[in-house]
Amino acid sequence: EGAAWLGESIRLLAERGIPVCAHMGLTPQSVNVLGGYKVQGRLEAQARQMRADAIALEQAGAAMILLECVPSELAEEITHAVKIPVIGIGAGSATDGQVLVLHDMLGLSITGRVPKFVKNFMIGQPDIQSAIQAYVSAVKDVSFPAIEHGFSA
């Protein structure tokens, strides 16, 4: 979790053959520093910095980037700016791939608070395997994430 400041650590890991997934945007382990669970990159200065950070992380040797809770437009720009895969969660449908936390996609929220970017794939499905297949199909046919699961600037 972090930005360009992780470049040296990423470079050292990559040189030793360890693939690194750089996590940008909302980084839950740093949520108190970020002011809570908030969309990141809405302000132009933040977006500009995130674009530069993504390129720096790629140049440092990151194997992929995970973008979490960033405006869809920014996620698309970052996806086009780098050659490594960009995976989104709450980042719109223009990234190279999608991820959801399993218990979220199965509707197993303990708190009852469900992030905007989550869809309960258990609804209408007879079992967990069918729900997971519904998720895979929805990502492949780009019906998920839909506009209502993303954020704007």
N, C-alpha and C. Protein backbone atom coordinates (compact mmCIF):
# COMPACT_ATOMS: atom_id res chain seq x y z
N GLU A 1 0.84 -1.17 0.00
CA GLU A 1 0.00 0.00 0.00
C GLU A 1 0.88 1.23 0.00
N GLY A 2 0.65 2.11 -0.95
CA GLY A 2 1.43 3.32 -0.97
C GLY A 2 1.54 3.90 -2.35
N ALA A 3 2.60 4.66 -2.54
CA ALA A 3 2.77 5.37 -3.80
C ALA A 3 4.24 5.32 -4.20
N ALA A 4 4.68 6.33 -4.92
CA ALA A 4 6.03 6.33 -5.47
C ALA A 4 7.11 6.17 -4.40
N TRP A 5 6.81 6.58 -3.17
CA TRP A 5 7.81 6.45 -2.10
C TRP A 5 8.20 5.00 -1.85
N LEU A 6 7.41 4.05 -2.35
CA LEU A 6 7.74 2.63 -2.21
C LEU A 6 8.66 2.13 -3.32
N GLY A 7 9.02 3.00 -4.22
CA GLY A 7 9.79 2.60 -5.40
C GLY A 7 11.03 1.78 -5.11
N GLU A 8 11.83 2.20 -4.15
CA GLU A 8 13.08 1.49 -3.85
C GLU A 8 12.78 0.09 -3.31
N SER A 9 11.79 -0.03 -2.44
CA SER A 9 11.43 -1.36 -1.90
C SER A 9 10.92 -2.27 -3.02
N ILE A 10 10.10 -1.71 -3.91
CA ILE A 10 9.58 -2.50 -5.03
C ILE A 10 10.72 -2.94 -5.93
N ARG A 11 11.65 -2.02 -6.21
CA ARG A 11 12.79 -2.36 -7.06
C ARG A 11 13.59 -3.51 -6.47
N LEU A 12 13.86 -3.45 -5.17
CA LEU A 12 14.64 -4.51 -4.52
C LEU A 12 13.91 -5.86 -4.58
N LEU A 13 12.62 -5.85 -4.35
CA LEU A 13 11.85 -7.10 -4.42
C LEU A 13 11.82 -7.64 -5.84
N ALA A 14 11.54 -6.76 -6.81
CA ALA A 14 11.45 -7.18 -8.21
C ALA A 14 12.79 -7.74 -8.70
N GLU A 15 13.90 -7.12 -8.30
CA GLU A 15 15.22 -7.62 -8.70
C GLU A 15 15.49 -9.02 -8.17
N ARG A 16 14.82 -9.38 -7.11
CA ARG A 16 14.99 -10.70 -6.51
C ARG A 16 13.91 -11.69 -6.95
N GLY A 17 13.15 -11.29 -7.97
CA GLY A 17 12.15 -12.18 -8.55
C GLY A 17 10.86 -12.28 -7.78
N ILE A 18 10.60 -11.33 -6.89
CA ILE A 18 9.37 -11.35 -6.10
C ILE A 18 8.37 -10.39 -6.75
N PRO A 19 7.26 -10.90 -7.28
CA PRO A 19 6.27 -10.03 -7.91
C PRO A 19 5.59 -9.14 -6.86
N VAL A 20 5.40 -7.88 -7.21
CA VAL A 20 4.80 -6.92 -6.30
C VAL A 20 3.51 -6.38 -6.90
N CYS A 21 2.44 -6.40 -6.11
CA CYS A 21 1.19 -5.75 -6.47
C CYS A 21 1.14 -4.45 -5.69
N ALA A 22 1.19 -3.33 -6.39
CA ALA A 22 1.14 -2.02 -5.75
C ALA A 22 -0.32 -1.63 -5.55
N HIS A 23 -0.69 -1.30 -4.32
CA HIS A 23 -2.08 -0.97 -3.95
C HIS A 23 -2.17 0.53 -3.79
N MET A 24 -3.01 1.17 -4.63
CA MET A 24 -3.16 2.62 -4.62
C MET A 24 -4.61 3.02 -4.41
N GLY A 25 -4.81 4.28 -4.07
CA GLY A 25 -6.15 4.79 -3.83
C GLY A 25 -6.47 4.64 -2.36
N LEU A 26 -7.65 4.12 -2.06
CA LEU A 26 -8.02 3.86 -0.67
C LEU A 26 -7.25 2.63 -0.22
N THR A 27 -6.40 2.82 0.75
CA THR A 27 -5.62 1.70 1.28
C THR A 27 -6.10 1.49 2.72
N PRO A 28 -6.92 0.46 2.95
CA PRO A 28 -7.58 0.28 4.25
C PRO A 28 -6.64 0.28 5.45
N GLN A 29 -5.42 -0.21 5.31
CA GLN A 29 -4.51 -0.21 6.45
C GLN A 29 -4.05 1.20 6.80
N SER A 30 -4.25 2.15 5.90
CA SER A 30 -3.86 3.54 6.14
C SER A 30 -5.08 4.46 6.25
N VAL A 31 -6.24 3.89 6.48
CA VAL A 31 -7.49 4.65 6.41
C VAL A 31 -7.52 5.82 7.39
N ASN A 32 -6.91 5.70 8.54
CA ASN A 32 -6.92 6.81 9.50
C ASN A 32 -6.08 7.98 9.02
N VAL A 33 -5.03 7.71 8.28
CA VAL A 33 -4.20 8.77 7.70
C VAL A 33 -4.93 9.46 6.55
N LEU A 34 -5.78 8.72 5.85
CA LEU A 34 -6.50 9.24 4.69
C LEU A 34 -7.78 9.97 5.07
N GLY A 35 -8.11 10.03 6.35
CA GLY A 35 -9.32 10.72 6.77
C GLY A 35 -10.57 9.87 6.73
N GLY A 36 -10.42 8.57 6.77
CA GLY A 36 -11.57 7.66 6.75
C GLY A 36 -11.70 6.96 5.41
N TYR A 37 -12.79 6.24 5.28
CA TYR A 37 -13.06 5.50 4.05
C TYR A 37 -13.62 6.46 3.01
N LYS A 38 -12.73 7.10 2.26
CA LYS A 38 -13.12 8.11 1.28
C LYS A 38 -12.50 7.80 -0.07
N VAL A 39 -13.22 8.18 -1.11
CA VAL A 39 -12.71 8.05 -2.47
C VAL A 39 -11.45 8.89 -2.58
N GLN A 40 -10.43 8.34 -3.20
CA GLN A 40 -9.15 9.03 -3.37
C GLN A 40 -8.99 9.46 -4.83
N GLY A 41 -8.38 10.62 -5.04
CA GLY A 41 -8.09 11.08 -6.40
C GLY A 41 -9.17 11.94 -7.02
N ARG A 42 -10.08 12.47 -6.22
CA ARG A 42 -11.14 13.32 -6.78
C ARG A 42 -10.62 14.72 -7.13
N LEU A 43 -9.71 15.23 -6.34
CA LEU A 43 -9.13 16.54 -6.63
C LEU A 43 -8.08 16.39 -7.72
N GLU A 44 -7.98 17.37 -8.58
CA GLU A 44 -7.06 17.28 -9.72
C GLU A 44 -5.62 17.07 -9.27
N ALA A 45 -5.21 17.73 -8.20
CA ALA A 45 -3.82 17.55 -7.72
C ALA A 45 -3.60 16.12 -7.27
N GLN A 46 -4.58 15.53 -6.59
CA GLN A 46 -4.48 14.12 -6.17
C GLN A 46 -4.42 13.20 -7.38
N ALA A 47 -5.28 13.46 -8.35
CA ALA A 47 -5.33 12.62 -9.55
C ALA A 47 -4.00 12.68 -10.30
N ARG A 48 -3.46 13.88 -10.44
CA ARG A 48 -2.18 14.06 -11.13
C ARG A 48 -1.09 13.27 -10.40
N GLN A 49 -1.07 13.35 -9.07
CA GLN A 49 -0.07 12.63 -8.28
C GLN A 49 -0.25 11.12 -8.42
N MET A 50 -1.49 10.65 -8.42
CA MET A 50 -1.74 9.21 -8.56
C MET A 50 -1.29 8.69 -9.92
N ARG A 51 -1.52 9.47 -10.98
CA ARG A 51 -1.04 9.07 -12.32
C ARG A 51 0.48 8.96 -12.33
N ALA A 52 1.15 9.96 -11.76
CA ALA A 52 2.61 9.95 -11.71
C ALA A 52 3.11 8.79 -10.85
N ASP A 53 2.44 8.54 -9.73
CA ASP A 53 2.84 7.44 -8.85
C ASP A 53 2.70 6.09 -9.55
N ALA A 54 1.62 5.90 -10.29
CA ALA A 54 1.41 4.63 -10.99
C ALA A 54 2.55 4.37 -11.98
N ILE A 55 2.93 5.39 -12.71
CA ILE A 55 4.04 5.24 -13.67
C ILE A 55 5.34 4.95 -12.93
N ALA A 56 5.57 5.64 -11.81
CA ALA A 56 6.79 5.41 -11.03
C ALA A 56 6.82 4.00 -10.46
N LEU A 57 5.69 3.50 -10.00
CA LEU A 57 5.63 2.14 -9.46
C LEU A 57 5.90 1.10 -10.54
N GLU A 58 5.35 1.34 -11.73
CA GLU A 58 5.64 0.44 -12.86
C GLU A 58 7.13 0.46 -13.17
N GLN A 59 7.72 1.65 -13.25
CA GLN A 59 9.14 1.77 -13.56
C GLN A 59 10.02 1.13 -12.49
N ALA A 60 9.53 1.12 -11.24
CA ALA A 60 10.28 0.49 -10.15
C ALA A 60 10.23 -1.03 -10.22
N GLY A 61 9.27 -1.56 -10.99
CA GLY A 61 9.19 -3.01 -11.15
C GLY A 61 7.93 -3.67 -10.65
N ALA A 62 6.92 -2.88 -10.25
CA ALA A 62 5.66 -3.49 -9.82
C ALA A 62 5.11 -4.36 -10.94
N ALA A 63 4.58 -5.51 -10.57
CA ALA A 63 4.03 -6.45 -11.56
C ALA A 63 2.59 -6.11 -11.92
N MET A 64 1.90 -5.43 -11.01
CA MET A 64 0.52 -5.03 -11.25
C MET A 64 0.15 -3.95 -10.24
N ILE A 65 -0.99 -3.28 -10.51
CA ILE A 65 -1.49 -2.24 -9.61
C ILE A 65 -2.93 -2.57 -9.26
N LEU A 66 -3.26 -2.43 -7.98
CA LEU A 66 -4.64 -2.53 -7.52
C LEU A 66 -5.10 -1.12 -7.20
N LEU A 67 -6.16 -0.66 -7.87
CA LEU A 67 -6.74 0.65 -7.60
C LEU A 67 -8.03 0.46 -6.82
N GLU A 68 -8.11 1.08 -5.65
CA GLU A 68 -9.30 0.93 -4.80
C GLU A 68 -9.95 2.28 -4.54
N CYS A 69 -11.24 2.35 -4.79
CA CYS A 69 -12.05 3.55 -4.51
C CYS A 69 -11.46 4.81 -5.13
N VAL A 70 -11.31 4.78 -6.44
CA VAL A 70 -10.87 5.97 -7.17
C VAL A 70 -11.90 6.25 -8.25
N PRO A 71 -12.02 7.51 -8.69
CA PRO A 71 -12.97 7.82 -9.75
C PRO A 71 -12.72 6.97 -10.99
N SER A 72 -13.80 6.55 -11.62
CA SER A 72 -13.71 5.69 -12.81
C SER A 72 -12.83 6.30 -13.88
N GLU A 73 -12.96 7.60 -14.09
CA GLU A 73 -12.19 8.27 -15.14
C GLU A 73 -10.69 8.19 -14.84
N LEU A 74 -10.32 8.40 -13.59
CA LEU A 74 -8.91 8.33 -13.20
C LEU A 74 -8.38 6.91 -13.35
N ALA A 75 -9.18 5.94 -12.96
CA ALA A 75 -8.76 4.53 -13.10
C ALA A 75 -8.51 4.21 -14.57
N GLU A 76 -9.36 4.70 -15.45
CA GLU A 76 -9.17 4.46 -16.89
C GLU A 76 -7.89 5.12 -17.38
N GLU A 77 -7.62 6.35 -16.94
CA GLU A 77 -6.40 7.04 -17.35
C GLU A 77 -5.15 6.29 -16.88
N ILE A 78 -5.17 5.83 -15.64
CA ILE A 78 -4.02 5.09 -15.11
C ILE A 78 -3.84 3.78 -15.86
N THR A 79 -4.95 3.10 -16.14
CA THR A 79 -4.89 1.83 -16.88
C THR A 79 -4.23 2.02 -18.24
N HIS A 80 -4.53 3.13 -18.91
CA HIS A 80 -3.94 3.39 -20.22
C HIS A 80 -2.51 3.91 -20.13
N ALA A 81 -2.15 4.47 -18.97
CA ALA A 81 -0.82 5.07 -18.81
C ALA A 81 0.28 4.05 -18.52
N VAL A 82 -0.11 2.87 -18.05
CA VAL A 82 0.89 1.85 -17.71
C VAL A 82 0.69 0.60 -18.56
N LYS A 83 1.73 -0.21 -18.65
CA LYS A 83 1.65 -1.45 -19.44
C LYS A 83 1.35 -2.67 -18.57
N ILE A 84 1.51 -2.54 -17.24
CA ILE A 84 1.23 -3.65 -16.34
C ILE A 84 -0.28 -3.73 -16.07
N PRO A 85 -0.78 -4.89 -15.67
CA PRO A 85 -2.22 -5.01 -15.39
C PRO A 85 -2.65 -4.10 -14.24
N VAL A 86 -3.83 -3.52 -14.40
CA VAL A 86 -4.45 -2.70 -13.36
C VAL A 86 -5.77 -3.38 -12.99
N ILE A 87 -5.91 -3.71 -11.72
CA ILE A 87 -7.11 -4.37 -11.21
C ILE A 87 -7.86 -3.34 -10.38
N GLY A 88 -9.18 -3.32 -10.53
CA GLY A 88 -9.98 -2.34 -9.81
C GLY A 88 -10.91 -2.95 -8.79
N ILE A 89 -11.14 -2.21 -7.73
CA ILE A 89 -12.20 -2.48 -6.76
C ILE A 89 -12.76 -1.11 -6.40
N GLY A 90 -13.96 -0.84 -6.88
CA GLY A 90 -14.51 0.49 -6.71
C GLY A 90 -13.80 1.49 -7.60
N ALA A 91 -13.40 1.05 -8.79
CA ALA A 91 -12.62 1.89 -9.71
C ALA A 91 -13.19 1.87 -11.13
N GLY A 92 -14.46 1.50 -11.27
CA GLY A 92 -15.08 1.49 -12.59
C GLY A 92 -14.74 0.24 -13.38
N SER A 93 -15.21 0.22 -14.61
CA SER A 93 -15.09 -0.98 -15.44
C SER A 93 -13.97 -0.94 -16.46
N ALA A 94 -13.20 0.15 -16.51
CA ALA A 94 -12.18 0.28 -17.56
C ALA A 94 -10.82 -0.27 -17.17
N THR A 95 -10.70 -0.84 -15.98
CA THR A 95 -9.42 -1.45 -15.59
C THR A 95 -9.27 -2.80 -16.29
N ASP A 96 -8.10 -3.38 -16.18
CA ASP A 96 -7.83 -4.66 -16.86
C ASP A 96 -8.55 -5.83 -16.20
N GLY A 97 -8.93 -5.69 -14.95
CA GLY A 97 -9.62 -6.75 -14.23
C GLY A 97 -10.32 -6.20 -13.02
N GLN A 98 -11.07 -7.05 -12.34
CA GLN A 98 -11.85 -6.66 -11.17
C GLN A 98 -11.59 -7.61 -10.02
N VAL A 99 -11.81 -7.13 -8.81
CA VAL A 99 -11.73 -7.97 -7.62
C VAL A 99 -12.79 -7.50 -6.63
N LEU A 100 -13.35 -8.42 -5.90
CA LEU A 100 -14.23 -8.12 -4.77
C LEU A 100 -13.84 -9.04 -3.62
N VAL A 101 -14.05 -8.58 -2.41
CA VAL A 101 -13.84 -9.43 -1.24
C VAL A 101 -14.96 -10.47 -1.24
N LEU A 102 -14.60 -11.73 -1.05
CA LEU A 102 -15.55 -12.83 -1.16
C LEU A 102 -16.77 -12.65 -0.27
N HIS A 103 -16.56 -12.33 1.00
CA HIS A 103 -17.73 -12.22 1.87
C HIS A 103 -18.63 -11.05 1.47
N ASP A 104 -18.08 -9.99 0.86
CA ASP A 104 -18.91 -8.90 0.35
C ASP A 104 -19.77 -9.37 -0.81
N MET A 105 -19.14 -10.05 -1.79
CA MET A 105 -19.90 -10.47 -2.97
C MET A 105 -20.94 -11.54 -2.65
N LEU A 106 -20.80 -12.19 -1.48
CA LEU A 106 -21.77 -13.21 -1.07
C LEU A 106 -22.79 -12.64 -0.08
N GLY A 107 -22.73 -11.34 0.18
CA GLY A 107 -23.70 -10.71 1.06
C GLY A 107 -23.52 -11.05 2.53
N LEU A 108 -22.31 -11.34 2.94
CA LEU A 108 -22.04 -11.78 4.31
C LEU A 108 -21.48 -10.65 5.16
N SER A 109 -22.11 -9.49 5.13
CA SER A 109 -21.65 -8.35 5.90
C SER A 109 -22.06 -8.50 7.36
N ILE A 110 -21.11 -8.39 8.25
CA ILE A 110 -21.40 -8.47 9.68
C ILE A 110 -21.99 -7.15 10.18
N THR A 111 -21.48 -6.05 9.66
CA THR A 111 -21.89 -4.73 10.14
C THR A 111 -23.16 -4.23 9.47
N GLY A 112 -23.51 -4.80 8.34
CA GLY A 112 -24.65 -4.31 7.58
C GLY A 112 -24.29 -3.14 6.68
N ARG A 113 -23.07 -2.62 6.80
CA ARG A 113 -22.61 -1.52 5.96
C ARG A 113 -21.88 -2.11 4.76
N VAL A 114 -22.44 -1.88 3.59
CA VAL A 114 -21.88 -2.45 2.37
C VAL A 114 -21.32 -1.32 1.51
N PRO A 115 -20.05 -1.41 1.09
CA PRO A 115 -19.49 -0.37 0.23
C PRO A 115 -20.29 -0.23 -1.07
N LYS A 116 -20.31 0.99 -1.60
CA LYS A 116 -21.05 1.30 -2.82
C LYS A 116 -20.64 0.40 -3.98
N PHE A 117 -19.38 0.02 -4.04
CA PHE A 117 -18.88 -0.75 -5.18
C PHE A 117 -19.21 -2.23 -5.12
N VAL A 118 -19.88 -2.68 -4.07
CA VAL A 118 -20.19 -4.10 -3.89
C VAL A 118 -21.56 -4.44 -4.47
N LYS A 119 -21.63 -5.60 -5.08
CA LYS A 119 -22.90 -6.18 -5.52
C LYS A 119 -23.00 -7.56 -4.88
N ASN A 120 -24.17 -7.87 -4.34
CA ASN A 120 -24.40 -9.18 -3.72
C ASN A 120 -24.75 -10.18 -4.82
N PHE A 121 -23.81 -11.02 -5.18
CA PHE A 121 -24.02 -11.99 -6.25
C PHE A 121 -24.73 -13.25 -5.77
N MET A 122 -25.00 -13.37 -4.47
CA MET A 122 -25.77 -14.52 -3.97
C MET A 122 -27.26 -14.39 -4.30
N ILE A 123 -27.71 -13.15 -4.49
CA ILE A 123 -29.13 -12.94 -4.77
C ILE A 123 -29.50 -13.67 -6.06
N GLY A 124 -30.49 -14.54 -5.95
CA GLY A 124 -30.97 -15.30 -7.10
C GLY A 124 -30.14 -16.53 -7.43
N GLN A 125 -29.13 -16.82 -6.62
CA GLN A 125 -28.27 -17.98 -6.90
C GLN A 125 -28.52 -19.08 -5.86
N PRO A 126 -28.49 -20.33 -6.27
CA PRO A 126 -28.78 -21.43 -5.34
C PRO A 126 -27.62 -21.78 -4.40
N ASP A 127 -26.38 -21.40 -4.79
CA ASP A 127 -25.24 -21.77 -3.96
C ASP A 127 -24.06 -20.84 -4.24
N ILE A 128 -23.03 -20.98 -3.43
CA ILE A 128 -21.86 -20.10 -3.54
C ILE A 128 -21.17 -20.24 -4.89
N GLN A 129 -21.03 -21.45 -5.38
CA GLN A 129 -20.37 -21.66 -6.67
C GLN A 129 -21.11 -20.92 -7.78
N SER A 130 -22.43 -20.95 -7.76
CA SER A 130 -23.22 -20.23 -8.77
C SER A 130 -23.04 -18.73 -8.63
N ALA A 131 -22.95 -18.23 -7.40
CA ALA A 131 -22.74 -16.80 -7.18
C ALA A 131 -21.39 -16.36 -7.73
N ILE A 132 -20.37 -17.16 -7.49
CA ILE A 132 -19.04 -16.83 -8.00
C ILE A 132 -19.04 -16.86 -9.53
N GLN A 133 -19.70 -17.84 -10.12
CA GLN A 133 -19.78 -17.90 -11.58
C GLN A 133 -20.54 -16.69 -12.13
N ALA A 134 -21.59 -16.24 -11.42
CA ALA A 134 -22.33 -15.05 -11.84
C ALA A 134 -21.41 -13.83 -11.82
N TYR A 135 -20.56 -13.73 -10.81
CA TYR A 135 -19.59 -12.63 -10.72
C TYR A 135 -18.62 -12.68 -11.90
N VAL A 136 -18.05 -13.85 -12.15
CA VAL A 136 -17.09 -14.00 -13.26
C VAL A 136 -17.75 -13.61 -14.58
N SER A 137 -18.96 -14.08 -14.81
CA SER A 137 -19.68 -13.76 -16.05
C SER A 137 -19.95 -12.27 -16.16
N ALA A 138 -20.36 -11.64 -15.06
CA ALA A 138 -20.67 -10.21 -15.07
C ALA A 138 -19.42 -9.37 -15.35
N VAL A 139 -18.27 -9.80 -14.83
CA VAL A 139 -17.03 -9.08 -15.11
C VAL A 139 -16.64 -9.26 -16.58
N LYS A 140 -16.74 -10.49 -17.07
CA LYS A 140 -16.36 -10.76 -18.47
C LYS A 140 -17.24 -10.03 -19.46
N ASP A 141 -18.55 -9.94 -19.18
CA ASP A 141 -19.43 -9.25 -20.14
C ASP A 141 -19.58 -7.76 -19.81
N VAL A 142 -18.78 -7.27 -18.87
CA VAL A 142 -18.69 -5.87 -18.47
C VAL A 142 -20.03 -5.32 -17.96
N SER A 143 -20.89 -6.18 -17.42
CA SER A 143 -22.09 -5.68 -16.77
C SER A 143 -21.81 -5.35 -15.30
N PHE A 144 -20.66 -5.78 -14.80
CA PHE A 144 -20.19 -5.40 -13.47
C PHE A 144 -18.72 -5.03 -13.57
N PRO A 145 -18.31 -3.93 -12.97
CA PRO A 145 -19.15 -3.02 -12.21
C PRO A 145 -19.95 -2.10 -13.12
N ALA A 146 -21.17 -1.81 -12.71
CA ALA A 146 -22.02 -0.87 -13.43
C ALA A 146 -21.74 0.54 -12.90
N ILE A 147 -22.33 1.52 -13.52
CA ILE A 147 -22.10 2.92 -13.13
C ILE A 147 -22.38 3.12 -11.64
N GLU A 148 -23.44 2.48 -11.13
CA GLU A 148 -23.80 2.68 -9.72
C GLU A 148 -22.79 2.09 -8.74
N HIS A 149 -21.86 1.29 -9.23
CA HIS A 149 -20.84 0.71 -8.36
C HIS A 149 -19.54 1.51 -8.37
N GLY A 150 -19.51 2.59 -9.12
CA GLY A 150 -18.29 3.37 -9.25
C GLY A 150 -18.41 4.76 -8.66
N PHE A 151 -17.36 5.54 -8.84
CA PHE A 151 -17.29 6.89 -8.29
C PHE A 151 -16.87 7.85 -9.40
N SER A 152 -17.31 9.10 -9.27
CA SER A 152 -16.90 10.12 -10.24
C SER A 152 -15.99 11.13 -9.53
N ALA A 153 -15.35 11.94 -10.33
CA ALA A 153 -14.40 12.93 -9.77
C ALA A 153 -15.11 14.03 -9.02
